[in-house]
Every structure is written in C-alpha cells, then in structure tokens.
Amino acid sequence: MTTHDRVRQQLHALEALLREHQHWRMDEPEAHLFTSTQPFCMDTMEPVEWLQWVLIPRMHALLDSAQPLPTAFAVAPYYEMALTADHPQREVLLEALQALDALFAQDKS
C-alpha cells in the first residue's frame, strides 16, 4: 500500500470518526469563513469544522490529482491545544490525527 493509499484510508477513518460522534455537518460554512488568514481558520471555524471543510477535502484533492503530499505536516499538536481537556472526543480525535501525522513522518524516513 502506498503512502497515498494510507493517507486516504486515514482520512476516511477520520471522517467516519467525526460522523460517529456527530461532528459532521451537512451545511457548509459561509464562504467568508474560508478566507481566514489564520492557521486552521482558528478565528472563523471550530477545530472540528476545519477538519471537515478544509483538511479532508484538500487532502483528497491532492490525492485525486496525484500531487505530491506535503512534506511538513503535523496537525495533532494544534489539536492538543485547541481541544479542551473536557472535550468528549478529545483523546480519540487526537489518536486519529496522530496516526495521520505519523504517515508523513514515515514517508521521510
């Protein structure tokens, strides 16, 4: 299995996790929320919204067009700070994001 395949598999797992815990939304955020200049759109979106509306679709677009994957990639550290300690799915989300990050670390070795 290629790195691209493993990344796609992990993105599907992340989406399934968001759906399972009712973090998946049907209504797309308003267009202006995507124009943030802050990392992770932290000033316009909730952390789990960014996963659904930015990270997952952009990564799938890279994979679908057979583009090179990012070489400097780590989202879990942001989520360790952004998700409060009492967030009900904090640990399971962090585990999924760390697994995604690990795929990029493996690709460098």
PDB file of N, CA and C in Angstrom:
ATOM      1  N   MET A   1       0.853  -1.180   0.000  1.00  0.00           N
ATOM      2  CA  MET A   1       0.000   0.000   0.000  1.00  0.00           C
ATOM      3  C   MET A   1       0.895   1.239   0.000  1.00  0.00           C
ATOM      4  N   THR A   2       0.605   2.173  -0.871  1.00  0.00           N
ATOM      5  CA  THR A   2       1.417   3.382  -0.973  1.00  0.00           C
ATOM      6  C   THR A   2       1.066   4.361   0.151  1.00  0.00           C
ATOM      7  N   THR A   3       1.919   5.346   0.319  1.00  0.00           N
ATOM      8  CA  THR A   3       1.632   6.398   1.307  1.00  0.00           C
ATOM      9  C   THR A   3       0.328   7.098   0.947  1.00  0.00           C
ATOM     10  N   HIS A   4       0.119   7.360  -0.355  1.00  0.00           N
ATOM     11  CA  HIS A   4      -1.133   7.996  -0.774  1.00  0.00           C
ATOM     12  C   HIS A   4      -2.335   7.153  -0.336  1.00  0.00           C
ATOM     13  N   ASP A   5      -2.250   5.843  -0.507  1.00  0.00           N
ATOM     14  CA  ASP A   5      -3.344   4.952  -0.103  1.00  0.00           C
ATOM     15  C   ASP A   5      -3.563   4.991   1.407  1.00  0.00           C
ATOM     16  N   ARG A   6      -2.479   4.981   2.156  1.00  0.00           N
ATOM     17  CA  ARG A   6      -2.593   5.006   3.621  1.00  0.00           C
ATOM     18  C   ARG A   6      -3.170   6.338   4.105  1.00  0.00           C
ATOM     19  N   VAL A   7      -2.763   7.432   3.466  1.00  0.00           N
ATOM     20  CA  VAL A   7      -3.313   8.746   3.836  1.00  0.00           C
ATOM     21  C   VAL A   7      -4.810   8.778   3.538  1.00  0.00           C
ATOM     22  N   ARG A   8      -5.198   8.292   2.369  1.00  0.00           N
ATOM     23  CA  ARG A   8      -6.624   8.275   2.024  1.00  0.00           C
ATOM     24  C   ARG A   8      -7.406   7.423   3.036  1.00  0.00           C
ATOM     25  N   GLN A   9      -6.864   6.289   3.388  1.00  0.00           N
ATOM     26  CA  GLN A   9      -7.507   5.407   4.360  1.00  0.00           C
ATOM     27  C   GLN A   9      -7.679   6.118   5.708  1.00  0.00           C
ATOM     28  N   GLN A  10      -6.658   6.848   6.136  1.00  0.00           N
ATOM     29  CA  GLN A  10      -6.737   7.557   7.416  1.00  0.00           C
ATOM     30  C   GLN A  10      -7.718   8.726   7.341  1.00  0.00           C
ATOM     31  N   LEU A  11      -7.809   9.384   6.197  1.00  0.00           N
ATOM     32  CA  LEU A  11      -8.795  10.457   6.029  1.00  0.00           C
ATOM     33  C   LEU A  11     -10.212   9.897   6.123  1.00  0.00           C
ATOM     34  N   HIS A  12     -10.442   8.740   5.515  1.00  0.00           N
ATOM     35  CA  HIS A  12     -11.760   8.100   5.614  1.00  0.00           C
ATOM     36  C   HIS A  12     -12.064   7.721   7.063  1.00  0.00           C
ATOM     37  N   ALA A  13     -11.062   7.235   7.781  1.00  0.00           N
ATOM     38  CA  ALA A  13     -11.250   6.883   9.192  1.00  0.00           C
ATOM     39  C   ALA A  13     -11.576   8.125  10.019  1.00  0.00           C
ATOM     40  N   LEU A  14     -10.904   9.238   9.724  1.00  0.00           N
ATOM     41  CA  LEU A  14     -11.164  10.487  10.435  1.00  0.00           C
ATOM     42  C   LEU A  14     -12.585  10.967  10.160  1.00  0.00           C
ATOM     43  N   GLU A  15     -13.010  10.913   8.903  1.00  0.00           N
ATOM     44  CA  GLU A  15     -14.380  11.303   8.563  1.00  0.00           C
ATOM     45  C   GLU A  15     -15.386  10.415   9.294  1.00  0.00           C
ATOM     46  N   ALA A  16     -15.152   9.120   9.305  1.00  0.00           N
ATOM     47  CA  ALA A  16     -16.060   8.196   9.996  1.00  0.00           C
ATOM     48  C   ALA A  16     -16.141   8.530  11.484  1.00  0.00           C
ATOM     49  N   LEU A  17     -15.020   8.879  12.061  1.00  0.00           N
ATOM     50  CA  LEU A  17     -14.978   9.251  13.475  1.00  0.00           C
ATOM     51  C   LEU A  17     -15.793  10.517  13.730  1.00  0.00           C
ATOM     52  N   LEU A  18     -15.634  11.514  12.873  1.00  0.00           N
ATOM     53  CA  LEU A  18     -16.397  12.754  13.019  1.00  0.00           C
ATOM     54  C   LEU A  18     -17.892  12.482  12.876  1.00  0.00           C
ATOM     55  N   ARG A  19     -18.245  11.637  11.924  1.00  0.00           N
ATOM     56  CA  ARG A  19     -19.661  11.289  11.741  1.00  0.00           C
ATOM     57  C   ARG A  19     -20.203  10.529  12.957  1.00  0.00           C
ATOM     58  N   GLU A  20     -19.441   9.566  13.422  1.00  0.00           N
ATOM     59  CA  GLU A  20     -19.869   8.737  14.554  1.00  0.00           C
ATOM     60  C   GLU A  20     -20.162   9.579  15.789  1.00  0.00           C
ATOM     61  N   HIS A  21     -19.391  10.627  15.988  1.00  0.00           N
ATOM     62  CA  HIS A  21     -19.544  11.461  17.182  1.00  0.00           C
ATOM     63  C   HIS A  21     -20.317  12.754  16.910  1.00  0.00           C
ATOM     64  N   GLN A  22     -21.078  12.757  15.821  1.00  0.00           N
ATOM     65  CA  GLN A  22     -21.958  13.876  15.455  1.00  0.00           C
ATOM     66  C   GLN A  22     -21.231  15.207  15.295  1.00  0.00           C
ATOM     67  N   HIS A  23     -20.004  15.146  14.783  1.00  0.00           N
ATOM     68  CA  HIS A  23     -19.280  16.379  14.477  1.00  0.00           C
ATOM     69  C   HIS A  23     -19.325  16.694  12.986  1.00  0.00           C
ATOM     70  N   TRP A  24     -19.962  15.867  12.188  1.00  0.00           N
ATOM     71  CA  TRP A  24     -20.029  16.057  10.743  1.00  0.00           C
ATOM     72  C   TRP A  24     -21.265  16.877  10.433  1.00  0.00           C
ATOM     73  N   ARG A  25     -21.097  17.986   9.743  1.00  0.00           N
ATOM     74  CA  ARG A  25     -22.203  18.891   9.445  1.00  0.00           C
ATOM     75  C   ARG A  25     -22.609  18.782   7.977  1.00  0.00           C
ATOM     76  N   MET A  26     -23.893  18.972   7.720  1.00  0.00           N
ATOM     77  CA  MET A  26     -24.401  18.902   6.350  1.00  0.00           C
ATOM     78  C   MET A  26     -24.335  20.265   5.658  1.00  0.00           C
ATOM     79  N   ASP A  27     -24.444  21.335   6.426  1.00  0.00           N
ATOM     80  CA  ASP A  27     -24.453  22.675   5.846  1.00  0.00           C
ATOM     81  C   ASP A  27     -23.050  23.251   5.843  1.00  0.00           C
ATOM     82  N   GLU A  28     -22.564  23.569   4.648  1.00  0.00           N
ATOM     83  CA  GLU A  28     -21.229  24.149   4.510  1.00  0.00           C
ATOM     84  C   GLU A  28     -21.198  25.544   5.141  1.00  0.00           C
ATOM     85  N   PRO A  29     -20.108  25.874   5.820  1.00  0.00           N
ATOM     86  CA  PRO A  29     -19.988  27.225   6.387  1.00  0.00           C
ATOM     87  C   PRO A  29     -20.041  28.294   5.285  1.00  0.00           C
ATOM     88  N   GLU A  30     -20.399  29.481   5.673  1.00  0.00           N
ATOM     89  CA  GLU A  30     -20.448  30.596   4.719  1.00  0.00           C
ATOM     90  C   GLU A  30     -19.063  30.825   4.119  1.00  0.00           C
ATOM     91  N   ALA A  31     -19.034  31.288   2.877  1.00  0.00           N
ATOM     92  CA  ALA A  31     -17.788  31.434   2.115  1.00  0.00           C
ATOM     93  C   ALA A  31     -16.757  32.301   2.836  1.00  0.00           C
ATOM     94  N   HIS A  32     -17.196  33.358   3.498  1.00  0.00           N
ATOM     95  CA  HIS A  32     -16.232  34.261   4.136  1.00  0.00           C
ATOM     96  C   HIS A  32     -15.456  33.580   5.270  1.00  0.00           C
ATOM     97  N   LEU A  33     -15.987  32.503   5.821  1.00  0.00           N
ATOM     98  CA  LEU A  33     -15.284  31.803   6.897  1.00  0.00           C
ATOM     99  C   LEU A  33     -14.032  31.092   6.393  1.00  0.00           C
ATOM    100  N   PHE A  34     -13.979  30.836   5.094  1.00  0.00           N
ATOM    101  CA  PHE A  34     -12.823  30.169   4.497  1.00  0.00           C
ATOM    102  C   PHE A  34     -11.702  31.147   4.149  1.00  0.00           C
ATOM    103  N   THR A  35     -11.954  32.435   4.254  1.00  0.00           N
ATOM    104  CA  THR A  35     -10.960  33.436   3.852  1.00  0.00           C
ATOM    105  C   THR A  35     -10.025  33.839   4.986  1.00  0.00           C
ATOM    106  N   SER A  36     -10.110  33.157   6.078  1.00  0.00           N
ATOM    107  CA  SER A  36      -9.247  33.446   7.221  1.00  0.00           C
ATOM    108  C   SER A  36      -7.780  33.360   6.819  1.00  0.00           C
ATOM    109  N   THR A  37      -6.977  34.229   7.401  1.00  0.00           N
ATOM    110  CA  THR A  37      -5.533  34.159   7.177  1.00  0.00           C
ATOM    111  C   THR A  37      -4.831  33.460   8.344  1.00  0.00           C
ATOM    112  N   GLN A  38      -5.601  33.047   9.329  1.00  0.00           N
ATOM    113  CA  GLN A  38      -5.054  32.355  10.494  1.00  0.00           C
ATOM    114  C   GLN A  38      -4.874  30.867  10.188  1.00  0.00           C
ATOM    115  N   PRO A  39      -3.851  30.253  10.743  1.00  0.00           N
ATOM    116  CA  PRO A  39      -3.720  28.798  10.581  1.00  0.00           C
ATOM    117  C   PRO A  39      -4.971  28.098  11.115  1.00  0.00           C
ATOM    118  N   PHE A  40      -5.388  27.058  10.433  1.00  0.00           N
ATOM    119  CA  PHE A  40      -6.546  26.259  10.836  1.00  0.00           C
ATOM    120  C   PHE A  40      -7.838  27.086  10.883  1.00  0.00           C
ATOM    121  N   CYS A  41      -7.855  28.241  10.230  1.00  0.00           N
ATOM    122  CA  CYS A  41      -9.021  29.140  10.270  1.00  0.00           C
ATOM    123  C   CYS A  41      -9.496  29.327  11.709  1.00  0.00           C
ATOM    124  N   MET A  42      -8.541  29.401  12.629  1.00  0.00           N
ATOM    125  CA  MET A  42      -8.877  29.409  14.052  1.00  0.00           C
ATOM    126  C   MET A  42      -9.737  30.589  14.478  1.00  0.00           C
ATOM    127  N   ASP A  43      -9.761  31.633  13.668  1.00  0.00           N
ATOM    128  CA  ASP A  43     -10.584  32.781  14.026  1.00  0.00           C
ATOM    129  C   ASP A  43     -11.983  32.715  13.421  1.00  0.00           C
ATOM    130  N   THR A  44     -12.235  31.731  12.555  1.00  0.00           N
ATOM    131  CA  THR A  44     -13.540  31.669  11.897  1.00  0.00           C
ATOM    132  C   THR A  44     -14.236  30.316  12.002  1.00  0.00           C
ATOM    133  N   MET A  45     -13.504  29.272  12.362  1.00  0.00           N
ATOM    134  CA  MET A  45     -14.098  27.929  12.426  1.00  0.00           C
ATOM    135  C   MET A  45     -13.710  27.236  13.728  1.00  0.00           C
ATOM    136  N   GLU A  46     -14.580  26.347  14.136  1.00  0.00           N
ATOM    137  CA  GLU A  46     -14.254  25.459  15.250  1.00  0.00           C
ATOM    138  C   GLU A  46     -13.231  24.440  14.746  1.00  0.00           C
ATOM    139  N   PRO A  47     -12.393  23.910  15.618  1.00  0.00           N
ATOM    140  CA  PRO A  47     -11.372  22.958  15.166  1.00  0.00           C
ATOM    141  C   PRO A  47     -11.916  21.780  14.355  1.00  0.00           C
ATOM    142  N   VAL A  48     -13.032  21.189  14.781  1.00  0.00           N
ATOM    143  CA  VAL A  48     -13.556  20.044  14.024  1.00  0.00           C
ATOM    144  C   VAL A  48     -14.170  20.475  12.699  1.00  0.00           C
ATOM    145  N   GLU A  49     -14.647  21.715  12.606  1.00  0.00           N
ATOM    146  CA  GLU A  49     -15.141  22.220  11.321  1.00  0.00           C
ATOM    147  C   GLU A  49     -14.007  22.289  10.313  1.00  0.00           C
ATOM    148  N   TRP A  50     -12.846  22.758  10.750  1.00  0.00           N
ATOM    149  CA  TRP A  50     -11.698  22.872   9.846  1.00  0.00           C
ATOM    150  C   TRP A  50     -11.321  21.506   9.293  1.00  0.00           C
ATOM    151  N   LEU A  51     -11.382  20.480  10.116  1.00  0.00           N
ATOM    152  CA  LEU A  51     -11.074  19.133   9.629  1.00  0.00           C
ATOM    153  C   LEU A  51     -12.011  18.752   8.489  1.00  0.00           C
ATOM    154  N   GLN A  52     -13.304  18.964   8.697  1.00  0.00           N
ATOM    155  CA  GLN A  52     -14.295  18.567   7.699  1.00  0.00           C
ATOM    156  C   GLN A  52     -14.240  19.409   6.439  1.00  0.00           C
ATOM    157  N   TRP A  53     -14.136  20.714   6.592  1.00  0.00           N
ATOM    158  CA  TRP A  53     -14.318  21.600   5.449  1.00  0.00           C
ATOM    159  C   TRP A  53     -13.023  22.039   4.782  1.00  0.00           C
ATOM    160  N   VAL A  54     -11.886  21.844   5.437  1.00  0.00           N
ATOM    161  CA  VAL A  54     -10.612  22.276   4.852  1.00  0.00           C
ATOM    162  C   VAL A  54      -9.651  21.092   4.696  1.00  0.00           C
ATOM    163  N   LEU A  55      -9.240  20.499   5.791  1.00  0.00           N
ATOM    164  CA  LEU A  55      -8.211  19.459   5.712  1.00  0.00           C
ATOM    165  C   LEU A  55      -8.635  18.269   4.851  1.00  0.00           C
ATOM    166  N   ILE A  56      -9.744  17.655   5.184  1.00  0.00           N
ATOM    167  CA  ILE A  56     -10.142  16.433   4.478  1.00  0.00           C
ATOM    168  C   ILE A  56     -10.341  16.685   2.984  1.00  0.00           C
ATOM    169  N   PRO A  57     -11.102  17.715   2.568  1.00  0.00           N
ATOM    170  CA  PRO A  57     -11.270  17.912   1.122  1.00  0.00           C
ATOM    171  C   PRO A  57      -9.974  18.293   0.396  1.00  0.00           C
ATOM    172  N   ARG A  58      -9.135  19.099   1.029  1.00  0.00           N
ATOM    173  CA  ARG A  58      -7.882  19.491   0.361  1.00  0.00           C
ATOM    174  C   ARG A  58      -6.932  18.312   0.216  1.00  0.00           C
ATOM    175  N   MET A  59      -6.874  17.473   1.230  1.00  0.00           N
ATOM    176  CA  MET A  59      -6.019  16.294   1.132  1.00  0.00           C
ATOM    177  C   MET A  59      -6.548  15.336   0.071  1.00  0.00           C
ATOM    178  N   HIS A  60      -7.864  15.159   0.011  1.00  0.00           N
ATOM    179  CA  HIS A  60      -8.430  14.300  -1.036  1.00  0.00           C
ATOM    180  C   HIS A  60      -8.149  14.879  -2.423  1.00  0.00           C
ATOM    181  N   ALA A  61      -8.200  16.197  -2.556  1.00  0.00           N
ATOM    182  CA  ALA A  61      -7.905  16.823  -3.851  1.00  0.00           C
ATOM    183  C   ALA A  61      -6.463  16.537  -4.269  1.00  0.00           C
ATOM    184  N   LEU A  62      -5.534  16.627  -3.330  1.00  0.00           N
ATOM    185  CA  LEU A  62      -4.135  16.294  -3.637  1.00  0.00           C
ATOM    186  C   LEU A  62      -4.009  14.837  -4.067  1.00  0.00           C
ATOM    187  N   LEU A  63      -4.660  13.959  -3.344  1.00  0.00           N
ATOM    188  CA  LEU A  63      -4.589  12.534  -3.654  1.00  0.00           C
ATOM    189  C   LEU A  63      -5.234  12.229  -5.006  1.00  0.00           C
ATOM    190  N   ASP A  64      -6.397  12.828  -5.264  1.00  0.00           N
ATOM    191  CA  ASP A  64      -7.115  12.576  -6.518  1.00  0.00           C
ATOM    192  C   ASP A  64      -6.333  13.033  -7.738  1.00  0.00           C
ATOM    193  N   SER A  65      -5.568  14.107  -7.576  1.00  0.00           N
ATOM    194  CA  SER A  65      -4.798  14.631  -8.705  1.00  0.00           C
ATOM    195  C   SER A  65      -3.360  14.116  -8.707  1.00  0.00           C
ATOM    196  N   ALA A  66      -3.077  13.148  -7.852  1.00  0.00           N
ATOM    197  CA  ALA A  66      -1.744  12.523  -7.762  1.00  0.00           C
ATOM    198  C   ALA A  66      -0.637  13.552  -7.532  1.00  0.00           C
ATOM    199  N   GLN A  67      -0.957  14.596  -6.782  1.00  0.00           N
ATOM    200  CA  GLN A  67       0.021  15.622  -6.443  1.00  0.00           C
ATOM    201  C   GLN A  67       0.899  15.130  -5.298  1.00  0.00           C
ATOM    202  N   PRO A  68       2.083  15.697  -5.173  1.00  0.00           N
ATOM    203  CA  PRO A  68       2.922  15.331  -4.029  1.00  0.00           C
ATOM    204  C   PRO A  68       2.239  15.746  -2.725  1.00  0.00           C
ATOM    205  N   LEU A  69       2.423  14.942  -1.721  1.00  0.00           N
ATOM    206  CA  LEU A  69       1.863  15.262  -0.409  1.00  0.00           C
ATOM    207  C   LEU A  69       2.773  16.253   0.304  1.00  0.00           C
ATOM    208  N   PRO A  70       2.232  17.017   1.248  1.00  0.00           N
ATOM    209  CA  PRO A  70       3.067  17.963   1.997  1.00  0.00           C
ATOM    210  C   PRO A  70       4.217  17.238   2.695  1.00  0.00           C
ATOM    211  N   THR A  71       5.328  17.928   2.812  1.00  0.00           N
ATOM    212  CA  THR A  71       6.472  17.315   3.492  1.00  0.00           C
ATOM    213  C   THR A  71       6.557  17.751   4.948  1.00  0.00           C
ATOM    214  N   ALA A  72       6.025  18.898   5.261  1.00  0.00           N
ATOM    215  CA  ALA A  72       5.988  19.377   6.647  1.00  0.00           C
ATOM    216  C   ALA A  72       4.529  19.342   7.075  1.00  0.00           C
ATOM    217  N   PHE A  73       4.154  18.293   7.772  1.00  0.00           N
ATOM    218  CA  PHE A  73       2.746  18.094   8.088  1.00  0.00           C
ATOM    219  C   PHE A  73       2.609  17.582   9.509  1.00  0.00           C
ATOM    220  N   ALA A  74       1.897  18.327  10.326  1.00  0.00           N
ATOM    221  CA  ALA A  74       1.584  17.895  11.688  1.00  0.00           C
ATOM    222  C   ALA A  74       0.411  18.726  12.187  1.00  0.00           C
ATOM    223  N   VAL A  75      -0.740  18.101  12.286  1.00  0.00           N
ATOM    224  CA  VAL A  75      -1.914  18.813  12.787  1.00  0.00           C
ATOM    225  C   VAL A  75      -2.232  18.454  14.238  1.00  0.00           C
ATOM    226  N   ALA A  76      -1.792  17.298  14.686  1.00  0.00           N
ATOM    227  CA  ALA A  76      -2.113  16.866  16.054  1.00  0.00           C
ATOM    228  C   ALA A  76      -1.654  17.863  17.123  1.00  0.00           C
ATOM    229  N   PRO A  77      -0.459  18.465  17.003  1.00  0.00           N
ATOM    230  CA  PRO A  77      -0.052  19.418  18.049  1.00  0.00           C
ATOM    231  C   PRO A  77      -1.032  20.589  18.225  1.00  0.00           C
ATOM    232  N   TYR A  78      -1.598  21.087  17.121  1.00  0.00           N
ATOM    233  CA  TYR A  78      -2.592  22.158  17.237  1.00  0.00           C
ATOM    234  C   TYR A  78      -3.822  21.656  17.992  1.00  0.00           C
ATOM    235  N   TYR A  79      -4.262  20.458  17.648  1.00  0.00           N
ATOM    236  CA  TYR A  79      -5.463  19.922  18.277  1.00  0.00           C
ATOM    237  C   TYR A  79      -5.248  19.573  19.741  1.00  0.00           C
ATOM    238  N   GLU A  80      -4.023  19.269  20.123  1.00  0.00           N
ATOM    239  CA  GLU A  80      -3.724  19.052  21.542  1.00  0.00           C
ATOM    240  C   GLU A  80      -4.001  20.324  22.336  1.00  0.00           C
ATOM    241  N   MET A  81      -3.778  21.466  21.709  1.00  0.00           N
ATOM    242  CA  MET A  81      -4.033  22.750  22.373  1.00  0.00           C
ATOM    243  C   MET A  81      -5.468  23.225  22.154  1.00  0.00           C
ATOM    244  N   ALA A  82      -6.011  23.006  20.963  1.00  0.00           N
ATOM    245  CA  ALA A  82      -7.312  23.567  20.603  1.00  0.00           C
ATOM    246  C   ALA A  82      -8.490  22.832  21.238  1.00  0.00           C
ATOM    247  N   LEU A  83      -8.356  21.530  21.430  1.00  0.00           N
ATOM    248  CA  LEU A  83      -9.446  20.772  22.046  1.00  0.00           C
ATOM    249  C   LEU A  83      -9.271  20.810  23.559  1.00  0.00           C
ATOM    250  N   THR A  84     -10.272  21.314  24.235  1.00  0.00           N
ATOM    251  CA  THR A  84     -10.185  21.426  25.689  1.00  0.00           C
ATOM    252  C   THR A  84     -10.096  20.044  26.329  1.00  0.00           C
ATOM    253  N   ALA A  85      -9.543  20.000  27.507  1.00  0.00           N
ATOM    254  CA  ALA A  85      -9.363  18.729  28.216  1.00  0.00           C
ATOM    255  C   ALA A  85     -10.688  18.009  28.445  1.00  0.00           C
ATOM    256  N   ASP A  86     -11.784  18.769  28.530  1.00  0.00           N
ATOM    257  CA  ASP A  86     -13.082  18.133  28.765  1.00  0.00           C
ATOM    258  C   ASP A  86     -13.862  17.858  27.482  1.00  0.00           C
ATOM    259  N   HIS A  87     -13.238  18.085  26.323  1.00  0.00           N
ATOM    260  CA  HIS A  87     -13.907  17.762  25.056  1.00  0.00           C
ATOM    261  C   HIS A  87     -14.166  16.258  25.039  1.00  0.00           C
ATOM    262  N   PRO A  88     -15.418  15.843  24.812  1.00  0.00           N
ATOM    263  CA  PRO A  88     -15.758  14.425  24.965  1.00  0.00           C
ATOM    264  C   PRO A  88     -15.007  13.463  24.033  1.00  0.00           C
ATOM    265  N   GLN A  89     -14.588  13.912  22.886  1.00  0.00           N
ATOM    266  CA  GLN A  89     -13.869  13.028  21.962  1.00  0.00           C
ATOM    267  C   GLN A  89     -12.410  13.434  21.789  1.00  0.00           C
ATOM    268  N   ARG A  90     -11.880  14.187  22.720  1.00  0.00           N
ATOM    269  CA  ARG A  90     -10.516  14.700  22.589  1.00  0.00           C
ATOM    270  C   ARG A  90      -9.512  13.588  22.309  1.00  0.00           C
ATOM    271  N   GLU A  91      -9.496  12.568  23.130  1.00  0.00           N
ATOM    272  CA  GLU A  91      -8.471  11.526  23.008  1.00  0.00           C
ATOM    273  C   GLU A  91      -8.593  10.746  21.708  1.00  0.00           C
ATOM    274  N   VAL A  92      -9.811  10.398  21.320  1.00  0.00           N
ATOM    275  CA  VAL A  92      -9.990   9.608  20.098  1.00  0.00           C
ATOM    276  C   VAL A  92      -9.648  10.446  18.857  1.00  0.00           C
ATOM    277  N   LEU A  93      -9.975  11.729  18.877  1.00  0.00           N
ATOM    278  CA  LEU A  93      -9.599  12.608  17.764  1.00  0.00           C
ATOM    279  C   LEU A  93      -8.086  12.778  17.696  1.00  0.00           C
ATOM    280  N   LEU A  94      -7.461  12.993  18.841  1.00  0.00           N
ATOM    281  CA  LEU A  94      -6.003  13.140  18.852  1.00  0.00           C
ATOM    282  C   LEU A  94      -5.319  11.879  18.340  1.00  0.00           C
ATOM    283  N   GLU A  95      -5.839  10.737  18.720  1.00  0.00           N
ATOM    284  CA  GLU A  95      -5.262   9.469  18.256  1.00  0.00           C
ATOM    285  C   GLU A  95      -5.343   9.360  16.728  1.00  0.00           C
ATOM    286  N   ALA A  96      -6.484   9.723  16.163  1.00  0.00           N
ATOM    287  CA  ALA A  96      -6.654   9.665  14.704  1.00  0.00           C
ATOM    288  C   ALA A  96      -5.735  10.665  14.004  1.00  0.00           C
ATOM    289  N   LEU A  97      -5.605  11.860  14.564  1.00  0.00           N
ATOM    290  CA  LEU A  97      -4.748  12.877  13.951  1.00  0.00           C
ATOM    291  C   LEU A  97      -3.271  12.517  14.087  1.00  0.00           C
ATOM    292  N   GLN A  98      -2.898  11.933  15.205  1.00  0.00           N
ATOM    293  CA  GLN A  98      -1.511  11.486  15.371  1.00  0.00           C
ATOM    294  C   GLN A  98      -1.185  10.374  14.378  1.00  0.00           C
ATOM    295  N   ALA A  99      -2.158   9.500  14.107  1.00  0.00           N
ATOM    296  CA  ALA A  99      -1.951   8.438  13.115  1.00  0.00           C
ATOM    297  C   ALA A  99      -1.762   9.044  11.726  1.00  0.00           C
ATOM    298  N   LEU A 100      -2.517  10.093  11.415  1.00  0.00           N
ATOM    299  CA  LEU A 100      -2.350  10.776  10.129  1.00  0.00           C
ATOM    300  C   LEU A 100      -0.977  11.430  10.059  1.00  0.00           C
ATOM    301  N   ASP A 101      -0.604  12.156  11.093  1.00  0.00           N
ATOM    302  CA  ASP A 101       0.716  12.796  11.129  1.00  0.00           C
ATOM    303  C   ASP A 101       1.833  11.771  10.954  1.00  0.00           C
ATOM    304  N   ALA A 102       1.681  10.609  11.571  1.00  0.00           N
ATOM    305  CA  ALA A 102       2.725   9.575  11.517  1.00  0.00           C
ATOM    306  C   ALA A 102       2.976   9.094  10.096  1.00  0.00           C
ATOM    307  N   LEU A 103       1.966   9.123   9.255  1.00  0.00           N
ATOM    308  CA  LEU A 103       2.148   8.703   7.864  1.00  0.00           C
ATOM    309  C   LEU A 103       3.132   9.612   7.138  1.00  0.00           C
ATOM    310  N   PHE A 104       3.124  10.881   7.484  1.00  0.00           N
ATOM    311  CA  PHE A 104       4.040  11.822   6.841  1.00  0.00           C
ATOM    312  C   PHE A 104       5.441  11.692   7.417  1.00  0.00           C
ATOM    313  N   ALA A 105       5.533  11.374   8.696  1.00  0.00           N
ATOM    314  CA  ALA A 105       6.840  11.159   9.317  1.00  0.00           C
ATOM    315  C   ALA A 105       7.489   9.905   8.746  1.00  0.00           C
ATOM    316  N   GLN A 106       6.691   8.853   8.499  1.00  0.00           N
ATOM    317  CA  GLN A 106       7.207   7.613   7.914  1.00  0.00           C
ATOM    318  C   GLN A 106       7.713   7.841   6.505  1.00  0.00           C
ATOM    319  N   ASP A 107       7.015   8.718   5.769  1.00  0.00           N
ATOM    320  CA  ASP A 107       7.375   8.965   4.376  1.00  0.00           C
ATOM    321  C   ASP A 107       8.749   9.615   4.261  1.00  0.00           C
ATOM    322  N   LYS A 108       9.204  10.309   5.327  1.00  0.00           N
ATOM    323  CA  LYS A 108      10.501  10.991   5.303  1.00  0.00           C
ATOM    324  C   LYS A 108      11.653  10.039   5.589  1.00  0.00           C
ATOM    325  N   SER A 109      11.350   8.916   6.229  1.00  0.00           N
ATOM    326  CA  SER A 109      12.438   8.018   6.625  1.00  0.00           C
ATOM    327  C   SER A 109      12.867   7.077   5.520  1.00  0.00           C
TER     328      SER A 109
END
